[in-house]
Protein backbone atom coordinates (compact mmCIF):
# COMPACT_ATOMS: atom_id res chain seq x y z
CA ILE A 1 -10.03 -8.22 -10.80
CA SER A 2 -10.71 -7.49 -14.44
CA VAL A 3 -10.95 -10.11 -17.16
CA LYS A 4 -7.66 -8.84 -18.61
CA ALA A 5 -5.91 -9.00 -15.21
CA THR A 6 -7.27 -12.50 -14.63
CA ALA A 7 -5.90 -13.68 -17.99
CA ILE A 8 -2.49 -12.18 -17.24
CA ALA A 9 -2.43 -13.73 -13.75
CA GLU A 10 -3.42 -17.14 -15.13
CA ARG A 11 -0.66 -16.95 -17.74
CA ASN A 12 1.92 -15.95 -15.13
CA ILE A 13 0.82 -18.71 -12.74
CA LYS A 14 1.07 -21.29 -15.52
CA SER A 15 4.48 -20.11 -16.73
CA ALA A 16 5.81 -20.16 -13.15
CA GLY A 17 4.68 -23.78 -12.81
CA VAL A 18 2.71 -23.16 -9.61
CA GLY A 19 -0.82 -23.72 -10.90
CA ARG A 20 -1.47 -26.67 -8.61
CA TYR A 21 -0.85 -24.44 -5.57
CA ILE A 22 -2.96 -21.44 -6.58
CA GLU A 23 -6.69 -21.00 -6.83
CA LEU A 24 -7.52 -17.78 -8.65
CA THR A 25 -11.08 -16.59 -8.16
CA THR A 26 -13.04 -13.50 -9.09
CA GLN A 27 -16.12 -12.66 -7.07
CA PRO A 28 -17.76 -9.80 -5.18
CA ILE A 29 -16.28 -9.47 -1.69
CA GLN A 30 -19.78 -9.89 -0.26
CA ASN A 31 -19.72 -13.51 -1.54
CA TYR A 32 -16.27 -14.35 -0.13
CA GLU A 33 -16.25 -17.40 2.14
CA THR A 34 -13.45 -19.68 3.27
CA ALA A 35 -13.84 -23.03 4.96
CA PRO A 36 -12.75 -22.73 8.62
CA GLY A 37 -9.38 -24.29 9.34
CA LYS A 38 -8.52 -24.78 5.67
CA GLY A 39 -5.81 -22.10 5.75
CA GLY A 40 -4.40 -20.21 2.84
CA ILE A 41 -2.82 -16.98 1.70
CA ILE A 42 -5.02 -14.26 0.23
CA VAL A 43 -3.29 -11.43 -1.66
CA THR A 44 -5.39 -8.51 -2.84
CA ASN A 45 -4.94 -5.08 -4.34
CA PRO A 46 -8.45 -3.60 -3.95
CA PRO A 47 -9.55 -0.34 -5.61
CA TYR A 48 -8.20 2.77 -3.88
CA GLY A 49 -10.96 5.19 -4.78
CA GLU A 50 -8.85 6.87 -7.45
CA ARG A 51 -9.24 5.20 -10.87
CA MET A 52 -11.89 2.68 -9.75
CA LEU A 53 -14.67 3.53 -7.30
CA GLU A 54 -15.10 6.70 -5.32
CA LEU A 55 -13.14 7.09 -2.07
CA LYS A 56 -16.23 6.46 0.11
CA GLN A 57 -16.96 3.26 -1.88
CA ALA A 58 -13.37 2.07 -1.38
CA GLU A 59 -13.66 2.75 2.37
CA GLU A 60 -16.87 0.70 2.52
CA LEU A 61 -15.08 -2.09 0.62
CA TYR A 62 -12.32 -2.04 3.30
CA ARG A 63 -15.00 -2.39 6.03
CA ILE A 64 -16.52 -5.39 4.28
CA MET A 65 -13.06 -6.95 3.83
CA GLY A 66 -12.43 -6.54 7.57
CA ARG A 67 -15.58 -8.50 8.34
CA LYS A 68 -15.00 -11.17 5.68
CA PHE A 69 -11.27 -11.64 6.37
CA SER A 70 -11.77 -12.83 9.93
CA LYS A 71 -8.97 -14.08 12.18
CA ASP A 72 -10.56 -17.44 12.99
CA LYS A 73 -10.44 -18.82 9.43
CA GLY A 74 -6.73 -19.73 9.54
CA ASN A 75 -5.76 -17.56 6.58
CA THR A 76 -3.01 -15.02 6.06
CA TYR A 77 -4.02 -11.80 4.26
CA TYR A 78 -1.82 -9.39 2.32
CA ILE A 79 -3.61 -6.20 1.27
CA ILE A 80 -2.13 -3.30 -0.73
CA SER A 81 -3.60 0.15 -0.11
CA PRO A 82 -2.48 3.79 -0.15
CA HIS A 83 -5.23 4.81 2.29
CA GLU A 84 -3.70 6.33 5.44
CA SER A 85 -6.62 5.06 7.56
CA PHE A 86 -6.94 1.61 5.97
CA GLU A 87 -6.58 -0.21 9.30
CA THR A 88 -9.34 1.90 10.85
CA PHE A 89 -11.77 0.99 8.07
CA PHE A 90 -10.59 -2.65 8.05
CA GLY A 91 -11.30 -2.82 11.77
CA ARG A 92 -7.95 -3.91 13.17
CA PRO A 93 -4.27 -3.03 12.96
CA ALA A 94 -2.03 -5.04 10.67
CA ASP A 95 0.39 -7.48 12.22
CA LYS A 96 3.07 -6.02 9.98
CA ARG A 97 3.33 -3.27 7.34
CA ARG A 98 5.74 -2.55 4.51
CA LYS A 99 5.99 0.60 2.40
CA LEU A 100 5.90 0.09 -1.34
CA TYR A 101 4.91 1.80 -4.55
CA ASN A 102 2.23 0.56 -6.91
CA GLY A 103 3.30 2.41 -10.03
CA MET A 104 3.74 5.96 -8.79
CA ILE A 105 1.27 5.55 -5.90
CA LYS A 106 2.81 5.35 -2.43
CA CYS A 107 1.15 2.39 -0.69
CA GLN A 108 1.47 0.05 2.24
CA LEU A 109 1.34 -3.72 2.25
CA PHE A 110 -0.82 -4.60 5.25
CA MET A 111 -0.10 -8.11 6.53
CA TYR A 112 -2.50 -10.07 8.70
CA PHE A 113 -1.25 -13.43 9.91
CA ARG A 114 -3.16 -16.39 11.35
């Protein structure tokens, strides 16, 4: 997430009055860790390999996310991606999917529940 996007998200969280419920962090996916059993909802819109990163780099990012976003942590994950083979790179099928557009880009919202 860029500095500009973080500032916008923080402003929106504050104006919605939900700041006490949301922890907004920016870090490399390789450093992502969640305490087991803590539970939470992670929403992410990772690079697609179009404007940011090359396609192969985005696919490697999806592999890392699949390892880091493990089932046994008690979290729910919502991931937006236009990649037709996202689930293959992530390493498991989504529990549920929804079609959506991110701007003019046809995407899917991949949902992974606890």
